[in-house]
Amino acid sequence: MTYLEKLNPWCIVRLLPNMQNQIVARFRRRSDAEAHLQVLRRLIPGVSFTIIFNVALEQQDLTAVE
């Protein structure tokens, strides 16, 4: 995940078949994502969209110390 993506954690996701999804847009604030989602639902009524909060977890080296 890039730094820019970390700054915009709210995502609009298009739900696809077979448990697939596609990030359509990213936002800094949930209210911005909700407003954009309303527009998408009016423009493309046959497609399923949802909002998620996408946080990237930093991977840490968890090796055991012997």
C-alpha atoms as a PDB file:
ATOM      1  CA  MET A   1       0.000   0.000   0.000  1.00  0.00           C
ATOM      2  CA  THR A   2       1.424   3.365  -0.996  1.00  0.00           C
ATOM      3  CA  TYR A   3       1.622   6.429   1.218  1.00  0.00           C
ATOM      4  CA  LEU A   4      -1.146   8.108  -0.785  1.00  0.00           C
ATOM      5  CA  GLU A   5      -3.424   5.108  -0.238  1.00  0.00           C
ATOM      6  CA  LYS A   6      -2.734   5.274   3.502  1.00  0.00           C
ATOM      7  CA  LEU A   7      -3.940   8.885   3.515  1.00  0.00           C
ATOM      8  CA  ASN A   8      -7.260   7.844   1.954  1.00  0.00           C
ATOM      9  CA  PRO A   9      -8.555   4.885   3.975  1.00  0.00           C
ATOM     10  CA  TRP A  10     -12.266   5.119   3.023  1.00  0.00           C
ATOM     11  CA  CYS A  11     -12.931   3.122  -0.154  1.00  0.00           C
ATOM     12  CA  ILE A  12     -15.894   2.578  -2.415  1.00  0.00           C
ATOM     13  CA  VAL A  13     -15.783  -1.032  -3.532  1.00  0.00           C
ATOM     14  CA  ARG A  14     -17.638  -2.619  -6.430  1.00  0.00           C
ATOM     15  CA  LEU A  15     -18.812  -6.107  -5.492  1.00  0.00           C
ATOM     16  CA  LEU A  16     -18.120  -8.671  -8.208  1.00  0.00           C
ATOM     17  CA  PRO A  17     -19.090 -12.369  -8.518  1.00  0.00           C
ATOM     18  CA  ASN A  18     -17.102 -15.140  -6.778  1.00  0.00           C
ATOM     19  CA  MET A  19     -16.266 -12.998  -3.724  1.00  0.00           C
ATOM     20  CA  GLN A  20     -14.214 -10.622  -5.850  1.00  0.00           C
ATOM     21  CA  ASN A  21     -14.161  -6.855  -5.390  1.00  0.00           C
ATOM     22  CA  GLN A  22     -12.688  -3.803  -7.068  1.00  0.00           C
ATOM     23  CA  ILE A  23     -11.770  -0.513  -5.396  1.00  0.00           C
ATOM     24  CA  VAL A  24     -13.450   2.234  -7.395  1.00  0.00           C
ATOM     25  CA  ALA A  25     -12.390   5.316  -5.412  1.00  0.00           C
ATOM     26  CA  ARG A  26     -10.580   6.315  -2.208  1.00  0.00           C
ATOM     27  CA  PHE A  27     -11.409   9.166   0.176  1.00  0.00           C
ATOM     28  CA  ARG A  28     -10.029  10.756   3.336  1.00  0.00           C
ATOM     29  CA  ARG A  29     -13.454  11.243   4.941  1.00  0.00           C
ATOM     30  CA  ARG A  30     -16.399   8.876   5.188  1.00  0.00           C
ATOM     31  CA  SER A  31     -18.856  11.658   4.360  1.00  0.00           C
ATOM     32  CA  ASP A  32     -17.085  12.230   1.025  1.00  0.00           C
ATOM     33  CA  ALA A  33     -17.279   8.515   0.251  1.00  0.00           C
ATOM     34  CA  GLU A  34     -20.989   8.395   1.116  1.00  0.00           C
ATOM     35  CA  ALA A  35     -21.761  11.368  -1.135  1.00  0.00           C
ATOM     36  CA  HIS A  36     -19.871   9.800  -4.032  1.00  0.00           C
ATOM     37  CA  LEU A  37     -21.589   6.469  -3.399  1.00  0.00           C
ATOM     38  CA  GLN A  38     -25.010   8.121  -3.734  1.00  0.00           C
ATOM     39  CA  VAL A  39     -23.992   9.527  -7.122  1.00  0.00           C
ATOM     40  CA  LEU A  40     -22.681   6.148  -8.295  1.00  0.00           C
ATOM     41  CA  ARG A  41     -25.874   4.394  -7.244  1.00  0.00           C
ATOM     42  CA  ARG A  42     -27.962   6.904  -9.233  1.00  0.00           C
ATOM     43  CA  LEU A  43     -25.748   6.699 -12.324  1.00  0.00           C
ATOM     44  CA  ILE A  44     -25.220   2.899 -12.279  1.00  0.00           C
ATOM     45  CA  PRO A  45     -28.275   1.372 -10.541  1.00  0.00           C
ATOM     46  CA  GLY A  46     -27.584  -2.257 -11.503  1.00  0.00           C
ATOM     47  CA  VAL A  47     -24.167  -2.511  -9.833  1.00  0.00           C
ATOM     48  CA  SER A  48     -23.533  -3.265  -6.137  1.00  0.00           C
ATOM     49  CA  PHE A  49     -21.207  -0.880  -4.291  1.00  0.00           C
ATOM     50  CA  THR A  50     -20.257  -0.597  -0.633  1.00  0.00           C
ATOM     51  CA  ILE A  51     -17.990   1.524   1.573  1.00  0.00           C
ATOM     52  CA  ILE A  52     -15.123   0.009   3.552  1.00  0.00           C
ATOM     53  CA  PHE A  53     -12.410   1.352   5.839  1.00  0.00           C
ATOM     54  CA  ASN A  54      -9.199  -0.109   4.412  1.00  0.00           C
ATOM     55  CA  VAL A  55      -6.316  -0.023   6.872  1.00  0.00           C
ATOM     56  CA  ALA A  56      -2.963  -1.513   5.944  1.00  0.00           C
ATOM     57  CA  LEU A  57      -1.295  -3.282   8.819  1.00  0.00           C
ATOM     58  CA  GLU A  58       2.456  -2.964   9.019  1.00  0.00           C
ATOM     59  CA  GLN A  59       4.142  -6.338   8.801  1.00  0.00           C
ATOM     60  CA  GLN A  60       6.514  -6.962  11.654  1.00  0.00           C
ATOM     61  CA  ASP A  61       9.243  -9.512  11.943  1.00  0.00           C
ATOM     62  CA  LEU A  62       7.896 -11.877  14.603  1.00  0.00           C
ATOM     63  CA  THR A  63      10.719 -14.378  14.677  1.00  0.00           C
ATOM     64  CA  ALA A  64      11.292 -16.108  17.997  1.00  0.00           C
ATOM     65  CA  VAL A  65      14.408 -15.200  19.905  1.00  0.00           C
ATOM     66  CA  GLU A  66      16.219 -18.312  21.070  1.00  0.00           C
END
